[in-house]
Amino acid sequence: MPPTFQAHSSSVEVEVNQTVMLSVTIDYNYPLSGISWIFNGNSLMVQSRVSVTIPPVFENPSATTSLQINSVVPRDAGVYVVMVTSPAGDINSSITVDVTGTHIIIYTLIYTISLFPFVVVATILQPTGASSSLEYDIKYLVIIQVS
């Protein structure tokens, strides 16, 4: 009998800069040959923000695998597929991650112009759809006159 998945969410919504955890529990009668995660049809690149937990799958009748993404960015949106292989058959299941939010805060700038009686305060944002890291928006530009 091939392995099966227990019920799980098929889609998740997460805001920019938050953490998302995807978990899937697999029931099986035979030892599993492997568990892997795929992102948008490609092998998942585990990096400092992305971690995968794959439990030992030899003796228990079920196992839970999870994928955690910290500090979510817009490019993390897409379809994540967990693939399970076993001598009794292979299965896969997908979870769609939607990323919401319009900007990533890059930094807040407070600048005093020494020759003039002004303080400039600005929040610099990067649009979530930015095609390069050089695209920015300025939000909350405030110039305060100091007497």
N, C-alpha and C. Protein backbone atom coordinates (compact mmCIF):
# COMPACT_ATOMS: atom_id res chain seq x y z
N MET A 1 0.86 -1.18 0.00
CA MET A 1 0.00 0.00 0.00
C MET A 1 0.90 1.25 0.00
N PRO A 2 0.69 2.18 -0.94
CA PRO A 2 1.53 3.38 -1.01
C PRO A 2 1.27 4.32 0.17
N PRO A 3 2.21 5.20 0.46
CA PRO A 3 1.99 6.16 1.55
C PRO A 3 0.85 7.11 1.20
N THR A 4 0.31 7.76 2.22
CA THR A 4 -0.76 8.75 2.02
C THR A 4 -0.45 9.98 2.87
N PHE A 5 -1.04 11.09 2.47
CA PHE A 5 -0.90 12.33 3.24
C PHE A 5 -2.10 12.50 4.15
N GLN A 6 -1.87 12.96 5.37
CA GLN A 6 -2.97 13.39 6.21
C GLN A 6 -3.44 14.75 5.69
N ALA A 7 -4.66 15.13 6.02
CA ALA A 7 -5.21 16.40 5.55
C ALA A 7 -4.32 17.56 5.98
N HIS A 8 -4.11 18.52 5.07
CA HIS A 8 -3.32 19.71 5.36
C HIS A 8 -3.80 20.86 4.47
N SER A 9 -3.39 22.06 4.78
CA SER A 9 -3.80 23.23 4.00
C SER A 9 -3.22 23.14 2.60
N SER A 10 -4.01 23.57 1.62
CA SER A 10 -3.50 23.59 0.25
C SER A 10 -2.98 24.97 -0.13
N SER A 11 -3.27 25.98 0.71
CA SER A 11 -2.73 27.31 0.46
C SER A 11 -2.55 28.05 1.78
N VAL A 12 -1.57 28.95 1.77
CA VAL A 12 -1.23 29.72 2.96
C VAL A 12 -0.97 31.15 2.50
N GLU A 13 -1.44 32.11 3.30
CA GLU A 13 -1.15 33.52 3.02
C GLU A 13 -0.27 34.05 4.14
N VAL A 14 0.78 34.77 3.76
CA VAL A 14 1.73 35.30 4.74
C VAL A 14 2.14 36.70 4.30
N GLU A 15 2.37 37.58 5.28
CA GLU A 15 2.80 38.94 4.98
C GLU A 15 4.31 39.02 4.85
N VAL A 16 4.76 39.97 4.06
CA VAL A 16 6.18 40.24 3.89
C VAL A 16 6.83 40.41 5.27
N ASN A 17 8.02 39.88 5.42
CA ASN A 17 8.84 39.93 6.64
C ASN A 17 8.37 39.01 7.76
N GLN A 18 7.31 38.23 7.56
CA GLN A 18 6.84 37.29 8.57
C GLN A 18 7.45 35.91 8.31
N THR A 19 7.15 34.95 9.18
CA THR A 19 7.62 33.57 9.03
C THR A 19 6.46 32.68 8.62
N VAL A 20 6.71 31.76 7.71
CA VAL A 20 5.68 30.79 7.32
C VAL A 20 6.24 29.39 7.55
N MET A 21 5.37 28.50 8.07
CA MET A 21 5.74 27.11 8.32
C MET A 21 4.75 26.23 7.55
N LEU A 22 5.28 25.37 6.69
CA LEU A 22 4.47 24.41 5.95
C LEU A 22 4.77 23.03 6.52
N SER A 23 3.74 22.31 6.93
CA SER A 23 3.94 20.97 7.51
C SER A 23 3.01 19.97 6.84
N VAL A 24 3.55 18.78 6.61
CA VAL A 24 2.77 17.71 6.00
C VAL A 24 3.10 16.42 6.75
N THR A 25 2.04 15.68 7.12
CA THR A 25 2.23 14.39 7.79
C THR A 25 1.92 13.27 6.81
N ILE A 26 2.80 12.29 6.77
CA ILE A 26 2.71 11.16 5.84
C ILE A 26 2.46 9.89 6.64
N ASP A 27 1.46 9.11 6.24
CA ASP A 27 1.22 7.80 6.83
C ASP A 27 1.75 6.74 5.86
N TYR A 28 2.39 5.70 6.38
CA TYR A 28 2.97 4.69 5.50
C TYR A 28 3.07 3.35 6.21
N ASN A 29 3.12 2.28 5.41
CA ASN A 29 3.27 0.93 5.93
C ASN A 29 4.67 0.38 5.66
N TYR A 30 5.33 0.89 4.63
CA TYR A 30 6.68 0.46 4.28
C TYR A 30 7.64 1.61 4.56
N PRO A 31 8.90 1.34 4.83
CA PRO A 31 9.86 2.44 5.00
C PRO A 31 9.88 3.32 3.75
N LEU A 32 9.98 4.60 3.96
CA LEU A 32 10.04 5.53 2.84
C LEU A 32 11.46 5.60 2.30
N SER A 33 11.56 5.76 0.99
CA SER A 33 12.88 5.90 0.36
C SER A 33 13.38 7.33 0.45
N GLY A 34 12.45 8.29 0.43
CA GLY A 34 12.89 9.68 0.50
C GLY A 34 11.73 10.66 0.60
N ILE A 35 12.05 11.83 1.12
CA ILE A 35 11.13 12.96 1.21
C ILE A 35 11.90 14.17 0.71
N SER A 36 11.32 14.93 -0.20
CA SER A 36 11.99 16.14 -0.69
C SER A 36 10.97 17.23 -0.96
N TRP A 37 11.44 18.47 -0.97
CA TRP A 37 10.60 19.64 -1.24
C TRP A 37 11.05 20.28 -2.55
N ILE A 38 10.08 20.71 -3.34
CA ILE A 38 10.31 21.37 -4.63
C ILE A 38 9.60 22.73 -4.58
N PHE A 39 10.22 23.76 -5.16
CA PHE A 39 9.62 25.10 -5.21
C PHE A 39 9.47 25.53 -6.66
N ASN A 40 8.24 25.77 -7.07
CA ASN A 40 7.93 26.19 -8.45
C ASN A 40 8.61 25.31 -9.49
N GLY A 41 8.60 24.00 -9.24
CA GLY A 41 9.14 23.05 -10.19
C GLY A 41 10.64 22.82 -10.12
N ASN A 42 11.33 23.50 -9.22
CA ASN A 42 12.78 23.36 -9.09
C ASN A 42 13.15 22.85 -7.70
N SER A 43 14.33 22.27 -7.59
CA SER A 43 14.81 21.85 -6.27
C SER A 43 14.85 23.05 -5.34
N LEU A 44 14.44 22.84 -4.11
CA LEU A 44 14.41 23.92 -3.13
C LEU A 44 15.82 24.20 -2.64
N MET A 45 16.19 25.45 -2.67
CA MET A 45 17.51 25.87 -2.19
C MET A 45 17.39 26.20 -0.70
N VAL A 46 17.97 25.37 0.14
CA VAL A 46 17.98 25.64 1.58
C VAL A 46 19.04 26.70 1.83
N GLN A 47 18.67 27.76 2.52
CA GLN A 47 19.57 28.88 2.79
C GLN A 47 19.32 29.38 4.20
N SER A 48 19.91 30.50 4.54
CA SER A 48 19.80 30.98 5.92
C SER A 48 18.35 31.27 6.32
N ARG A 49 17.49 31.66 5.39
CA ARG A 49 16.09 31.96 5.72
C ARG A 49 15.18 30.73 5.59
N VAL A 50 15.67 29.69 4.92
CA VAL A 50 14.83 28.53 4.61
C VAL A 50 15.40 27.28 5.27
N SER A 51 14.57 26.59 6.03
CA SER A 51 15.01 25.33 6.64
C SER A 51 13.97 24.23 6.40
N VAL A 52 14.45 23.03 6.24
CA VAL A 52 13.59 21.87 6.00
C VAL A 52 13.86 20.84 7.08
N THR A 53 12.80 20.26 7.63
CA THR A 53 12.91 19.18 8.60
C THR A 53 12.39 17.91 7.96
N ILE A 54 13.25 16.91 7.86
CA ILE A 54 12.85 15.60 7.35
C ILE A 54 13.17 14.59 8.43
N PRO A 55 12.14 13.98 9.02
CA PRO A 55 12.36 13.07 10.14
C PRO A 55 12.86 11.70 9.68
N PRO A 56 13.41 10.91 10.61
CA PRO A 56 13.73 9.52 10.28
C PRO A 56 12.43 8.80 9.93
N VAL A 57 12.45 8.01 8.89
CA VAL A 57 11.20 7.42 8.41
C VAL A 57 11.27 5.90 8.31
N PHE A 58 11.90 5.26 9.27
CA PHE A 58 12.08 3.83 9.14
C PHE A 58 11.16 2.99 10.01
N GLU A 59 10.83 3.46 11.21
CA GLU A 59 10.11 2.60 12.13
C GLU A 59 8.70 3.06 12.45
N ASN A 60 8.43 4.33 12.38
CA ASN A 60 7.10 4.84 12.77
C ASN A 60 6.11 4.70 11.62
N PRO A 61 4.82 4.60 11.93
CA PRO A 61 3.83 4.51 10.86
C PRO A 61 3.45 5.86 10.25
N SER A 62 4.02 6.95 10.81
CA SER A 62 3.77 8.27 10.22
C SER A 62 4.98 9.16 10.48
N ALA A 63 5.12 10.19 9.65
CA ALA A 63 6.22 11.15 9.78
C ALA A 63 5.74 12.52 9.33
N THR A 64 6.23 13.56 9.99
CA THR A 64 5.87 14.92 9.61
C THR A 64 7.11 15.63 9.10
N THR A 65 7.01 16.18 7.91
CA THR A 65 8.08 16.98 7.33
C THR A 65 7.61 18.43 7.32
N SER A 66 8.54 19.35 7.51
CA SER A 66 8.14 20.76 7.52
C SER A 66 9.17 21.60 6.78
N LEU A 67 8.69 22.73 6.32
CA LEU A 67 9.50 23.72 5.63
C LEU A 67 9.21 25.06 6.28
N GLN A 68 10.24 25.75 6.74
CA GLN A 68 10.06 27.05 7.40
C GLN A 68 10.83 28.10 6.61
N ILE A 69 10.15 29.22 6.32
CA ILE A 69 10.77 30.35 5.65
C ILE A 69 10.66 31.55 6.58
N ASN A 70 11.80 32.10 6.99
CA ASN A 70 11.84 33.28 7.85
C ASN A 70 11.96 34.53 6.98
N SER A 71 11.46 35.64 7.49
CA SER A 71 11.56 36.94 6.78
C SER A 71 11.14 36.80 5.33
N VAL A 72 9.90 36.37 5.13
CA VAL A 72 9.35 36.11 3.80
C VAL A 72 9.46 37.36 2.92
N VAL A 73 9.86 37.14 1.68
CA VAL A 73 9.93 38.18 0.66
C VAL A 73 9.02 37.77 -0.50
N PRO A 74 8.66 38.71 -1.37
CA PRO A 74 7.72 38.39 -2.45
C PRO A 74 8.14 37.22 -3.33
N ARG A 75 9.43 37.05 -3.56
CA ARG A 75 9.86 35.94 -4.43
C ARG A 75 9.64 34.57 -3.79
N ASP A 76 9.25 34.52 -2.51
CA ASP A 76 8.93 33.25 -1.86
C ASP A 76 7.53 32.75 -2.22
N ALA A 77 6.73 33.60 -2.87
CA ALA A 77 5.38 33.19 -3.28
C ALA A 77 5.49 32.13 -4.37
N GLY A 78 4.61 31.14 -4.33
CA GLY A 78 4.61 30.11 -5.35
C GLY A 78 4.09 28.79 -4.81
N VAL A 79 4.38 27.73 -5.55
CA VAL A 79 3.89 26.39 -5.21
C VAL A 79 5.04 25.56 -4.65
N TYR A 80 4.84 25.06 -3.44
CA TYR A 80 5.78 24.18 -2.78
C TYR A 80 5.21 22.77 -2.83
N VAL A 81 6.00 21.82 -3.29
CA VAL A 81 5.54 20.43 -3.43
C VAL A 81 6.42 19.55 -2.56
N VAL A 82 5.79 18.71 -1.74
CA VAL A 82 6.53 17.70 -1.00
C VAL A 82 6.38 16.39 -1.77
N MET A 83 7.52 15.76 -2.07
CA MET A 83 7.53 14.51 -2.84
C MET A 83 7.99 13.39 -1.92
N VAL A 84 7.24 12.29 -1.93
CA VAL A 84 7.54 11.14 -1.09
C VAL A 84 7.72 9.92 -1.98
N THR A 85 8.84 9.22 -1.77
CA THR A 85 9.07 8.00 -2.53
C THR A 85 9.15 6.82 -1.58
N SER A 86 8.64 5.69 -2.04
CA SER A 86 8.69 4.46 -1.25
C SER A 86 8.60 3.27 -2.21
N PRO A 87 9.01 2.10 -1.74
CA PRO A 87 8.90 0.90 -2.59
C PRO A 87 7.44 0.60 -2.98
N ALA A 88 6.50 1.09 -2.17
CA ALA A 88 5.08 0.81 -2.44
C ALA A 88 4.46 1.83 -3.39
N GLY A 89 5.18 2.90 -3.72
CA GLY A 89 4.64 3.91 -4.63
C GLY A 89 5.06 5.31 -4.20
N ASP A 90 5.00 6.23 -5.15
CA ASP A 90 5.39 7.61 -4.90
C ASP A 90 4.15 8.51 -4.87
N ILE A 91 4.20 9.54 -4.02
CA ILE A 91 3.11 10.51 -3.94
C ILE A 91 3.69 11.91 -3.81
N ASN A 92 2.87 12.91 -4.11
CA ASN A 92 3.27 14.29 -3.88
C ASN A 92 2.04 15.12 -3.55
N SER A 93 2.28 16.23 -2.89
CA SER A 93 1.20 17.14 -2.52
C SER A 93 1.74 18.56 -2.55
N SER A 94 0.89 19.51 -2.92
CA SER A 94 1.36 20.88 -3.06
C SER A 94 0.66 21.83 -2.09
N ILE A 95 1.39 22.89 -1.76
CA ILE A 95 0.86 23.98 -0.93
C ILE A 95 1.25 25.27 -1.63
N THR A 96 0.28 26.12 -1.90
CA THR A 96 0.53 27.41 -2.53
C THR A 96 0.73 28.46 -1.46
N VAL A 97 1.80 29.24 -1.57
CA VAL A 97 2.09 30.32 -0.63
C VAL A 97 1.86 31.65 -1.35
N ASP A 98 0.97 32.46 -0.81
CA ASP A 98 0.73 33.81 -1.32
C ASP A 98 1.36 34.79 -0.35
N VAL A 99 2.14 35.72 -0.86
CA VAL A 99 2.80 36.73 -0.03
C VAL A 99 2.08 38.05 -0.22
N THR A 100 1.66 38.66 0.90
CA THR A 100 0.94 39.92 0.85
C THR A 100 1.81 41.04 1.44
N GLY A 101 1.40 42.25 1.20
CA GLY A 101 2.15 43.41 1.68
C GLY A 101 2.75 44.11 0.47
N THR A 102 2.88 45.40 0.56
CA THR A 102 3.30 46.13 -0.62
C THR A 102 4.75 46.56 -0.62
N HIS A 103 5.38 46.63 0.54
CA HIS A 103 6.74 47.12 0.60
C HIS A 103 7.54 46.41 1.68
N ILE A 104 8.82 46.40 1.50
CA ILE A 104 9.74 45.95 2.53
C ILE A 104 10.46 47.19 3.03
N ILE A 105 10.42 47.43 4.33
CA ILE A 105 11.11 48.60 4.87
C ILE A 105 12.60 48.35 4.82
N ILE A 106 13.31 49.23 4.13
CA ILE A 106 14.75 49.10 4.01
C ILE A 106 15.42 49.77 5.20
N TYR A 107 15.09 51.02 5.47
CA TYR A 107 15.59 51.71 6.66
C TYR A 107 14.86 53.02 6.84
N THR A 108 14.95 53.55 8.03
CA THR A 108 14.42 54.87 8.33
C THR A 108 15.61 55.80 8.52
N LEU A 109 15.55 56.93 7.86
CA LEU A 109 16.65 57.88 7.85
C LEU A 109 16.26 59.12 8.65
N ILE A 110 17.09 59.53 9.56
CA ILE A 110 16.93 60.80 10.27
C ILE A 110 18.21 61.58 10.03
N TYR A 111 18.08 62.72 9.41
CA TYR A 111 19.26 63.46 8.99
C TYR A 111 19.13 64.93 9.38
N THR A 112 20.13 65.44 10.01
CA THR A 112 20.16 66.85 10.39
C THR A 112 21.13 67.57 9.46
N ILE A 113 20.65 68.64 8.86
CA ILE A 113 21.49 69.45 7.98
C ILE A 113 22.12 70.54 8.85
N SER A 114 23.42 70.46 9.03
CA SER A 114 24.09 71.33 10.01
C SER A 114 24.05 72.81 9.65
N LEU A 115 24.02 73.14 8.37
CA LEU A 115 24.02 74.56 7.98
C LEU A 115 22.62 75.16 7.98
N PHE A 116 21.60 74.32 8.03
CA PHE A 116 20.22 74.80 7.96
C PHE A 116 19.46 74.31 9.19
N PRO A 117 18.44 75.05 9.60
CA PRO A 117 17.68 74.64 10.79
C PRO A 117 16.58 73.62 10.44
N PHE A 118 16.96 72.48 9.83
CA PHE A 118 15.98 71.47 9.44
C PHE A 118 16.44 70.08 9.86
N VAL A 119 15.48 69.21 10.13
CA VAL A 119 15.71 67.79 10.34
C VAL A 119 14.86 67.07 9.30
N VAL A 120 15.46 66.15 8.57
CA VAL A 120 14.74 65.39 7.55
C VAL A 120 14.53 63.97 8.07
N VAL A 121 13.29 63.49 8.03
CA VAL A 121 12.96 62.13 8.45
C VAL A 121 12.28 61.45 7.26
N ALA A 122 12.80 60.28 6.84
CA ALA A 122 12.20 59.57 5.71
C ALA A 122 12.27 58.08 5.98
N THR A 123 11.23 57.34 5.55
CA THR A 123 11.25 55.89 5.58
C THR A 123 11.44 55.42 4.15
N ILE A 124 12.47 54.62 3.90
CA ILE A 124 12.80 54.14 2.56
C ILE A 124 12.21 52.73 2.43
N LEU A 125 11.45 52.51 1.36
CA LEU A 125 10.78 51.23 1.15
C LEU A 125 11.17 50.67 -0.21
N GLN A 126 11.15 49.35 -0.30
CA GLN A 126 11.36 48.70 -1.59
C GLN A 126 10.04 48.06 -1.99
N PRO A 127 9.51 48.40 -3.18
CA PRO A 127 8.26 47.77 -3.61
C PRO A 127 8.43 46.26 -3.72
N THR A 128 7.38 45.50 -3.37
CA THR A 128 7.50 44.05 -3.42
C THR A 128 7.69 43.54 -4.83
N GLY A 129 7.25 44.25 -5.83
CA GLY A 129 7.42 43.81 -7.21
C GLY A 129 8.67 44.36 -7.86
N ALA A 130 9.57 44.92 -7.08
CA ALA A 130 10.77 45.55 -7.64
C ALA A 130 11.59 44.54 -8.42
N SER A 131 12.03 44.94 -9.62
CA SER A 131 12.81 44.04 -10.44
C SER A 131 14.29 44.06 -10.07
N SER A 132 14.70 45.04 -9.28
CA SER A 132 16.08 45.07 -8.81
C SER A 132 16.12 45.66 -7.42
N SER A 133 17.25 45.45 -6.74
CA SER A 133 17.38 45.97 -5.38
C SER A 133 17.62 47.48 -5.38
N LEU A 134 17.69 48.10 -6.55
CA LEU A 134 17.93 49.54 -6.64
C LEU A 134 16.64 50.35 -6.77
N GLU A 135 15.49 49.69 -6.79
CA GLU A 135 14.21 50.39 -6.88
C GLU A 135 13.69 50.67 -5.48
N TYR A 136 13.45 51.95 -5.17
CA TYR A 136 12.98 52.34 -3.85
C TYR A 136 11.86 53.35 -3.94
N ASP A 137 11.06 53.41 -2.92
CA ASP A 137 10.06 54.45 -2.73
C ASP A 137 10.40 55.15 -1.42
N ILE A 138 10.10 56.43 -1.35
CA ILE A 138 10.25 57.16 -0.09
C ILE A 138 8.86 57.42 0.45
N LYS A 139 8.65 57.03 1.69
CA LYS A 139 7.37 57.21 2.34
C LYS A 139 7.61 57.96 3.63
N TYR A 140 6.68 58.78 4.00
CA TYR A 140 6.78 59.55 5.25
C TYR A 140 7.97 60.50 5.23
N LEU A 141 8.10 61.28 4.18
CA LEU A 141 9.14 62.31 4.14
C LEU A 141 8.64 63.50 4.93
N VAL A 142 9.36 63.84 5.97
CA VAL A 142 8.99 64.95 6.84
C VAL A 142 10.20 65.85 6.99
N ILE A 143 10.00 67.14 6.78
CA ILE A 143 11.06 68.11 7.01
C ILE A 143 10.59 69.00 8.16
N ILE A 144 11.36 69.01 9.21
CA ILE A 144 10.99 69.75 10.42
C ILE A 144 11.95 70.93 10.59
N GLN A 145 11.37 72.11 10.74
CA GLN A 145 12.21 73.27 10.96
C GLN A 145 12.52 73.38 12.46
N VAL A 146 13.79 73.51 12.77
CA VAL A 146 14.24 73.60 14.15
C VAL A 146 14.62 75.05 14.42
N SER A 147 14.10 75.61 15.51
CA SER A 147 14.44 77.01 15.80
C SER A 147 15.49 77.14 16.86
